[in-house]
């Protein structure tokens, strides 16, 4: 049998830190990652960095570059369009189911209300990483309230790519407020138990975010 890795927690921490840097663009698309340099910055050996980068490579977040090297992959506008197309269907279903569960799941309702309240604290000075975390928390609260574990299980592998795409639009001050206005509209329908309206609001929100993200990415590609 293959011996167990003695440092799983450290690898997870390094993975999370690199993922955060990719998401908030501290490590921008196309950036060449030097493992020794990254290990020094994180205060760890090369081993957990190497393990973490191979996990990120499997997820398509970094690509091989040169001899034993990696670079941050670029966001593909077409791939993002496809992801949001699927996410729109999943989010619409989740909102519909959540509206049907809200009266019988007080804990789930409280979690959604807490996520919504946290989102109301954002401002032009809120760091991008915090904005993304709040956005993820809001949608995750809906998934849990929906009462169907398969929803979270299906969306979980795509969160790293979604978080990167969120950074593309949430970096713009104008969209920060409009995104949370849309969240308020979705939550209002869920909390009122209006399944069809919640479904429609969630679908519209995903479609808007997907369209804006694709447009920004294509504009960036054209300008390059």
C-alpha atoms as a PDB file:
ATOM      1  CA  UNK A   1       0.000   0.000   0.000  1.00  0.00           C
ATOM      2  CA  UNK A   2       1.102   3.582  -0.664  1.00  0.00           C
ATOM      3  CA  UNK A   3       2.169   5.339   2.568  1.00  0.00           C
ATOM      4  CA  UNK A   4      -0.103   8.143   3.728  1.00  0.00           C
ATOM      5  CA  UNK A   5       1.077  11.695   3.204  1.00  0.00           C
ATOM      6  CA  UNK A   6       2.081  13.067   6.620  1.00  0.00           C
ATOM      7  CA  UNK A   7       1.191  16.671   5.762  1.00  0.00           C
ATOM      8  CA  UNK A   8      -2.392  16.739   4.450  1.00  0.00           C
ATOM      9  CA  UNK A   9      -3.439  19.762   6.515  1.00  0.00           C
ATOM     10  CA  UNK A  10      -0.447  21.793   5.374  1.00  0.00           C
ATOM     11  CA  UNK A  11      -1.114  20.876   1.754  1.00  0.00           C
ATOM     12  CA  UNK A  12      -4.736  21.998   2.162  1.00  0.00           C
ATOM     13  CA  UNK A  13      -3.583  25.309   3.628  1.00  0.00           C
ATOM     14  CA  UNK A  14      -1.095  25.910   0.821  1.00  0.00           C
ATOM     15  CA  UNK A  15      -3.702  24.922  -1.772  1.00  0.00           C
ATOM     16  CA  UNK A  16      -6.226  27.341  -0.248  1.00  0.00           C
ATOM     17  CA  UNK A  17      -3.702  30.188  -0.163  1.00  0.00           C
ATOM     18  CA  UNK A  18      -2.635  29.709  -3.795  1.00  0.00           C
ATOM     19  CA  UNK A  19      -6.266  29.372  -4.888  1.00  0.00           C
ATOM     20  CA  UNK A  20      -7.112  32.610  -3.092  1.00  0.00           C
ATOM     21  CA  UNK A  21      -4.227  34.372  -4.847  1.00  0.00           C
ATOM     22  CA  UNK A  22      -5.405  33.061  -8.232  1.00  0.00           C
ATOM     23  CA  UNK A  23      -8.981  34.082  -7.474  1.00  0.00           C
ATOM     24  CA  UNK A  24      -8.238  37.638  -6.357  1.00  0.00           C
ATOM     25  CA  UNK A  25      -5.650  37.955  -9.132  1.00  0.00           C
ATOM     26  CA  UNK A  26      -2.648  38.413  -6.860  1.00  0.00           C
ATOM     27  CA  UNK A  27      -1.421  35.652  -9.182  1.00  0.00           C
ATOM     28  CA  UNK A  28      -2.894  36.912 -12.475  1.00  0.00           C
ATOM     29  CA  UNK A  29      -3.661  34.815 -15.573  1.00  0.00           C
ATOM     30  CA  UNK A  30      -0.460  33.922 -17.390  1.00  0.00           C
ATOM     31  CA  UNK A  31       1.700  34.408 -14.286  1.00  0.00           C
ATOM     32  CA  UNK A  32       4.604  31.950 -14.108  1.00  0.00           C
ATOM     33  CA  UNK A  33       4.709  30.221 -10.735  1.00  0.00           C
ATOM     34  CA  UNK A  34       8.159  29.506  -9.330  1.00  0.00           C
ATOM     35  CA  UNK A  35       7.814  26.847  -6.686  1.00  0.00           C
ATOM     36  CA  UNK A  36      10.894  27.838  -4.651  1.00  0.00           C
ATOM     37  CA  UNK A  37       9.845  31.474  -4.569  1.00  0.00           C
ATOM     38  CA  UNK A  38       6.270  30.574  -3.615  1.00  0.00           C
ATOM     39  CA  UNK A  39       7.458  28.203  -0.892  1.00  0.00           C
ATOM     40  CA  UNK A  40       9.637  30.971   0.576  1.00  0.00           C
ATOM     41  CA  UNK A  41       6.728  33.436   0.594  1.00  0.00           C
ATOM     42  CA  UNK A  42       4.484  30.935   2.355  1.00  0.00           C
ATOM     43  CA  UNK A  43       7.183  29.831   4.754  1.00  0.00           C
ATOM     44  CA  UNK A  44       6.963  26.147   3.801  1.00  0.00           C
ATOM     45  CA  UNK A  45       9.051  23.589   1.940  1.00  0.00           C
ATOM     46  CA  UNK A  46       8.604  22.829  -1.749  1.00  0.00           C
ATOM     47  CA  UNK A  47       6.787  19.547  -1.041  1.00  0.00           C
ATOM     48  CA  UNK A  48       3.371  20.954  -0.012  1.00  0.00           C
ATOM     49  CA  UNK A  49       3.621  23.606  -2.739  1.00  0.00           C
ATOM     50  CA  UNK A  50       4.261  20.914  -5.339  1.00  0.00           C
ATOM     51  CA  UNK A  51       1.321  18.836  -4.077  1.00  0.00           C
ATOM     52  CA  UNK A  52      -0.979  21.870  -4.084  1.00  0.00           C
ATOM     53  CA  UNK A  53       0.025  22.896  -7.603  1.00  0.00           C
ATOM     54  CA  UNK A  54      -0.682  19.409  -8.909  1.00  0.00           C
ATOM     55  CA  UNK A  55      -4.169  19.588  -7.362  1.00  0.00           C
ATOM     56  CA  UNK A  56      -4.720  22.963  -9.008  1.00  0.00           C
ATOM     57  CA  UNK A  57      -3.428  21.548 -12.293  1.00  0.00           C
ATOM     58  CA  UNK A  58      -6.011  18.762 -12.116  1.00  0.00           C
ATOM     59  CA  UNK A  59      -8.714  21.396 -11.720  1.00  0.00           C
ATOM     60  CA  UNK A  60      -7.471  23.365 -14.722  1.00  0.00           C
ATOM     61  CA  UNK A  61      -6.428  26.401 -12.654  1.00  0.00           C
ATOM     62  CA  UNK A  62      -2.737  26.144 -13.516  1.00  0.00           C
ATOM     63  CA  UNK A  63      -1.051  24.641 -16.553  1.00  0.00           C
ATOM     64  CA  UNK A  64       2.375  23.123 -17.086  1.00  0.00           C
ATOM     65  CA  UNK A  65       4.905  25.651 -18.321  1.00  0.00           C
ATOM     66  CA  UNK A  66       8.458  24.727 -19.150  1.00  0.00           C
ATOM     67  CA  UNK A  67      10.539  22.296 -17.171  1.00  0.00           C
ATOM     68  CA  UNK A  68       8.582  21.289 -14.068  1.00  0.00           C
ATOM     69  CA  UNK A  69       6.948  24.708 -13.978  1.00  0.00           C
ATOM     70  CA  UNK A  70       3.382  26.008 -13.882  1.00  0.00           C
ATOM     71  CA  UNK A  71       1.524  29.140 -14.880  1.00  0.00           C
ATOM     72  CA  UNK A  72      -1.932  30.432 -14.000  1.00  0.00           C
ATOM     73  CA  UNK A  73      -4.403  29.543 -16.737  1.00  0.00           C
ATOM     74  CA  UNK A  74      -6.408  32.207 -18.517  1.00  0.00           C
ATOM     75  CA  UNK A  75     -10.170  32.301 -18.190  1.00  0.00           C
ATOM     76  CA  UNK A  76     -11.816  31.080 -21.385  1.00  0.00           C
ATOM     77  CA  UNK A  77     -14.910  33.202 -22.226  1.00  0.00           C
ATOM     78  CA  UNK A  78     -16.630  30.281 -23.962  1.00  0.00           C
ATOM     79  CA  UNK A  79     -16.012  27.961 -21.019  1.00  0.00           C
ATOM     80  CA  UNK A  80     -17.349  30.560 -18.596  1.00  0.00           C
ATOM     81  CA  UNK A  81     -20.464  30.950 -20.746  1.00  0.00           C
ATOM     82  CA  UNK A  82     -21.003  27.201 -20.582  1.00  0.00           C
ATOM     83  CA  UNK A  83     -20.515  27.100 -16.807  1.00  0.00           C
ATOM     84  CA  UNK A  84     -22.999  29.893 -16.204  1.00  0.00           C
ATOM     85  CA  UNK A  85     -25.488  28.239 -18.517  1.00  0.00           C
ATOM     86  CA  UNK A  86     -25.413  25.175 -16.259  1.00  0.00           C
ATOM     87  CA  UNK A  87     -25.224  27.214 -13.085  1.00  0.00           C
ATOM     88  CA  UNK A  88     -28.323  29.168 -14.111  1.00  0.00           C
ATOM     89  CA  UNK A  89     -30.321  25.936 -14.222  1.00  0.00           C
ATOM     90  CA  UNK A  90     -28.899  24.746 -10.890  1.00  0.00           C
ATOM     91  CA  UNK A  91     -29.432  28.086  -9.134  1.00  0.00           C
ATOM     92  CA  UNK A  92     -32.987  28.330 -10.434  1.00  0.00           C
ATOM     93  CA  UNK A  93     -33.779  24.848  -9.124  1.00  0.00           C
ATOM     94  CA  UNK A  94     -32.128  25.603  -5.782  1.00  0.00           C
ATOM     95  CA  UNK A  95     -34.105  28.816  -5.324  1.00  0.00           C
ATOM     96  CA  UNK A  96     -37.349  27.073  -6.231  1.00  0.00           C
ATOM     97  CA  UNK A  97     -36.718  24.259  -3.750  1.00  0.00           C
ATOM     98  CA  UNK A  98     -35.535  26.682  -1.053  1.00  0.00           C
ATOM     99  CA  UNK A  99     -38.771  28.636  -1.318  1.00  0.00           C
ATOM    100  CA  UNK A 100     -40.629  25.419  -0.690  1.00  0.00           C
ATOM    101  CA  UNK A 101     -38.500  24.583   2.357  1.00  0.00           C
ATOM    102  CA  UNK A 102     -38.230  27.985   4.020  1.00  0.00           C
ATOM    103  CA  UNK A 103     -41.249  27.637   6.303  1.00  0.00           C
ATOM    104  CA  UNK A 104     -40.191  24.251   7.662  1.00  0.00           C
ATOM    105  CA  UNK A 105     -36.446  24.881   7.966  1.00  0.00           C
ATOM    106  CA  UNK A 106     -35.855  27.726  10.456  1.00  0.00           C
ATOM    107  CA  UNK A 107     -32.111  27.028  10.647  1.00  0.00           C
ATOM    108  CA  UNK A 108     -31.747  27.245   6.867  1.00  0.00           C
ATOM    109  CA  UNK A 109     -33.842  30.396   6.784  1.00  0.00           C
ATOM    110  CA  UNK A 110     -31.679  31.996   9.473  1.00  0.00           C
ATOM    111  CA  UNK A 111     -28.528  31.096   7.538  1.00  0.00           C
ATOM    112  CA  UNK A 112     -29.864  32.746   4.383  1.00  0.00           C
ATOM    113  CA  UNK A 113     -30.895  35.842   6.309  1.00  0.00           C
ATOM    114  CA  UNK A 114     -27.442  36.023   7.915  1.00  0.00           C
ATOM    115  CA  UNK A 115     -25.724  35.741   4.527  1.00  0.00           C
ATOM    116  CA  UNK A 116     -27.969  38.466   3.170  1.00  0.00           C
ATOM    117  CA  UNK A 117     -27.266  40.732   6.130  1.00  0.00           C
ATOM    118  CA  UNK A 118     -23.519  40.222   5.729  1.00  0.00           C
ATOM    119  CA  UNK A 119     -23.801  41.263   2.099  1.00  0.00           C
ATOM    120  CA  UNK A 120     -25.413  44.537   3.111  1.00  0.00           C
ATOM    121  CA  UNK A 121     -22.158  45.595   4.756  1.00  0.00           C
ATOM    122  CA  UNK A 122     -20.190  45.844   1.497  1.00  0.00           C
ATOM    123  CA  UNK A 123     -18.791  49.143   0.300  1.00  0.00           C
ATOM    124  CA  UNK A 124     -16.399  50.448  -2.323  1.00  0.00           C
ATOM    125  CA  UNK A 125     -13.578  49.635   0.110  1.00  0.00           C
ATOM    126  CA  UNK A 126     -14.507  45.977   0.640  1.00  0.00           C
ATOM    127  CA  UNK A 127     -11.589  43.787  -0.527  1.00  0.00           C
ATOM    128  CA  UNK A 128     -12.238  41.647  -3.577  1.00  0.00           C
ATOM    129  CA  UNK A 129     -11.559  38.411  -1.672  1.00  0.00           C
ATOM    130  CA  UNK A 130     -14.209  39.381   0.906  1.00  0.00           C
ATOM    131  CA  UNK A 131     -16.734  40.207  -1.830  1.00  0.00           C
ATOM    132  CA  UNK A 132     -16.238  36.799  -3.414  1.00  0.00           C
ATOM    133  CA  UNK A 133     -16.549  35.024  -0.059  1.00  0.00           C
ATOM    134  CA  UNK A 134     -19.818  36.836   0.720  1.00  0.00           C
ATOM    135  CA  UNK A 135     -21.191  35.965  -2.718  1.00  0.00           C
ATOM    136  CA  UNK A 136     -20.308  32.296  -2.278  1.00  0.00           C
ATOM    137  CA  UNK A 137     -21.831  32.275   1.217  1.00  0.00           C
ATOM    138  CA  UNK A 138     -25.109  33.677  -0.104  1.00  0.00           C
ATOM    139  CA  UNK A 139     -25.514  31.118  -2.849  1.00  0.00           C
ATOM    140  CA  UNK A 140     -24.332  28.288  -0.602  1.00  0.00           C
ATOM    141  CA  UNK A 141     -27.033  29.214   1.922  1.00  0.00           C
ATOM    142  CA  UNK A 142     -29.648  28.806  -0.810  1.00  0.00           C
ATOM    143  CA  UNK A 143     -28.217  25.451  -1.867  1.00  0.00           C
ATOM    144  CA  UNK A 144     -28.399  24.166   1.703  1.00  0.00           C
ATOM    145  CA  UNK A 145     -31.884  25.533   2.281  1.00  0.00           C
ATOM    146  CA  UNK A 146     -33.011  23.731  -0.885  1.00  0.00           C
ATOM    147  CA  UNK A 147     -32.636  20.460   0.996  1.00  0.00           C
ATOM    148  CA  UNK A 148     -31.095  18.527  -1.897  1.00  0.00           C
ATOM    149  CA  UNK A 149     -27.439  17.629  -1.182  1.00  0.00           C
ATOM    150  CA  UNK A 150     -26.854  16.764  -4.835  1.00  0.00           C
ATOM    151  CA  UNK A 151     -27.005  20.473  -5.692  1.00  0.00           C
ATOM    152  CA  UNK A 152     -23.978  21.331  -3.559  1.00  0.00           C
ATOM    153  CA  UNK A 153     -22.191  18.175  -4.664  1.00  0.00           C
ATOM    154  CA  UNK A 154     -22.593  19.123  -8.329  1.00  0.00           C
ATOM    155  CA  UNK A 155     -21.594  22.770  -7.942  1.00  0.00           C
ATOM    156  CA  UNK A 156     -18.631  22.213  -5.562  1.00  0.00           C
ATOM    157  CA  UNK A 157     -16.054  21.212  -8.244  1.00  0.00           C
ATOM    158  CA  UNK A 158     -16.889  24.347 -10.219  1.00  0.00           C
ATOM    159  CA  UNK A 159     -16.585  26.844  -7.356  1.00  0.00           C
ATOM    160  CA  UNK A 160     -12.890  27.613  -8.000  1.00  0.00           C
ATOM    161  CA  UNK A 161     -13.685  28.588 -11.599  1.00  0.00           C
ATOM    162  CA  UNK A 162     -16.808  30.477 -10.521  1.00  0.00           C
ATOM    163  CA  UNK A 163     -14.861  32.392  -7.899  1.00  0.00           C
ATOM    164  CA  UNK A 164     -12.347  33.446 -10.554  1.00  0.00           C
ATOM    165  CA  UNK A 165     -15.148  34.587 -12.828  1.00  0.00           C
ATOM    166  CA  UNK A 166     -16.781  36.512  -9.950  1.00  0.00           C
ATOM    167  CA  UNK A 167     -13.572  38.506  -9.566  1.00  0.00           C
ATOM    168  CA  UNK A 168     -13.924  39.681 -13.161  1.00  0.00           C
ATOM    169  CA  UNK A 169     -17.181  41.537 -12.503  1.00  0.00           C
ATOM    170  CA  UNK A 170     -17.054  42.207  -8.750  1.00  0.00           C
ATOM    171  CA  UNK A 171     -13.871  44.204  -9.276  1.00  0.00           C
ATOM    172  CA  UNK A 172     -16.133  46.829 -10.872  1.00  0.00           C
ATOM    173  CA  UNK A 173     -17.701  49.119  -8.285  1.00  0.00           C
ATOM    174  CA  UNK A 174     -20.983  49.532 -10.192  1.00  0.00           C
ATOM    175  CA  UNK A 175     -21.715  45.807 -10.279  1.00  0.00           C
ATOM    176  CA  UNK A 176     -21.074  45.295  -6.566  1.00  0.00           C
ATOM    177  CA  UNK A 177     -24.289  47.072  -5.665  1.00  0.00           C
ATOM    178  CA  UNK A 178     -26.376  45.672  -8.503  1.00  0.00           C
ATOM    179  CA  UNK A 179     -25.268  42.103  -7.696  1.00  0.00           C
ATOM    180  CA  UNK A 180     -26.493  42.458  -4.139  1.00  0.00           C
ATOM    181  CA  UNK A 181     -29.700  44.103  -5.275  1.00  0.00           C
ATOM    182  CA  UNK A 182     -30.300  40.960  -7.317  1.00  0.00           C
ATOM    183  CA  UNK A 183     -29.459  38.846  -4.264  1.00  0.00           C
ATOM    184  CA  UNK A 184     -32.011  40.813  -2.248  1.00  0.00           C
ATOM    185  CA  UNK A 185     -34.650  40.113  -4.906  1.00  0.00           C
ATOM    186  CA  UNK A 186     -33.880  36.379  -4.930  1.00  0.00           C
ATOM    187  CA  UNK A 187     -33.920  36.149  -1.136  1.00  0.00           C
ATOM    188  CA  UNK A 188     -37.155  38.113  -0.843  1.00  0.00           C
ATOM    189  CA  UNK A 189     -38.978  35.622  -3.056  1.00  0.00           C
ATOM    190  CA  UNK A 190     -37.459  32.626  -1.255  1.00  0.00           C
ATOM    191  CA  UNK A 191     -38.305  33.988   2.197  1.00  0.00           C
ATOM    192  CA  UNK A 192     -41.852  34.710   1.042  1.00  0.00           C
ATOM    193  CA  UNK A 193     -42.202  31.147  -0.241  1.00  0.00           C
ATOM    194  CA  UNK A 194     -42.769  32.254  -3.841  1.00  0.00           C
ATOM    195  CA  UNK A 195     -41.168  29.332  -5.668  1.00  0.00           C
ATOM    196  CA  UNK A 196     -41.765  30.428  -9.272  1.00  0.00           C
ATOM    197  CA  UNK A 197     -40.643  34.015  -8.670  1.00  0.00           C
ATOM    198  CA  UNK A 198     -37.565  32.821  -6.778  1.00  0.00           C
ATOM    199  CA  UNK A 199     -36.707  30.465  -9.631  1.00  0.00           C
ATOM    200  CA  UNK A 200     -37.026  33.252 -12.208  1.00  0.00           C
ATOM    201  CA  UNK A 201     -34.983  35.730 -10.150  1.00  0.00           C
ATOM    202  CA  UNK A 202     -32.160  33.234  -9.614  1.00  0.00           C
ATOM    203  CA  UNK A 203     -32.034  32.333 -13.303  1.00  0.00           C
ATOM    204  CA  UNK A 204     -31.975  35.999 -14.341  1.00  0.00           C
ATOM    205  CA  UNK A 205     -29.156  36.719 -11.888  1.00  0.00           C
ATOM    206  CA  UNK A 206     -26.983  33.873 -13.205  1.00  0.00           C
ATOM    207  CA  UNK A 207     -27.653  34.880 -16.806  1.00  0.00           C
ATOM    208  CA  UNK A 208     -26.698  38.504 -16.116  1.00  0.00           C
ATOM    209  CA  UNK A 209     -23.495  37.524 -14.298  1.00  0.00           C
ATOM    210  CA  UNK A 210     -22.565  35.066 -17.030  1.00  0.00           C
ATOM    211  CA  UNK A 211     -23.175  37.568 -19.818  1.00  0.00           C
ATOM    212  CA  UNK A 212     -21.201  40.321 -18.084  1.00  0.00           C
ATOM    213  CA  UNK A 213     -18.299  38.017 -17.309  1.00  0.00           C
ATOM    214  CA  UNK A 214     -18.106  36.702 -20.852  1.00  0.00           C
ATOM    215  CA  UNK A 215     -18.208  40.246 -22.261  1.00  0.00           C
ATOM    216  CA  UNK A 216     -15.422  41.435 -19.942  1.00  0.00           C
ATOM    217  CA  UNK A 217     -13.226  38.467 -20.772  1.00  0.00           C
ATOM    218  CA  UNK A 218     -13.704  38.871 -24.512  1.00  0.00           C
ATOM    219  CA  UNK A 219     -12.926  42.577 -24.244  1.00  0.00           C
ATOM    220  CA  UNK A 220      -9.751  41.771 -22.320  1.00  0.00           C
ATOM    221  CA  UNK A 221      -8.700  39.218 -24.937  1.00  0.00           C
ATOM    222  CA  UNK A 222      -9.287  41.706 -27.750  1.00  0.00           C
ATOM    223  CA  UNK A 223      -7.280  44.389 -25.974  1.00  0.00           C
ATOM    224  CA  UNK A 224      -4.336  42.035 -25.382  1.00  0.00           C
END
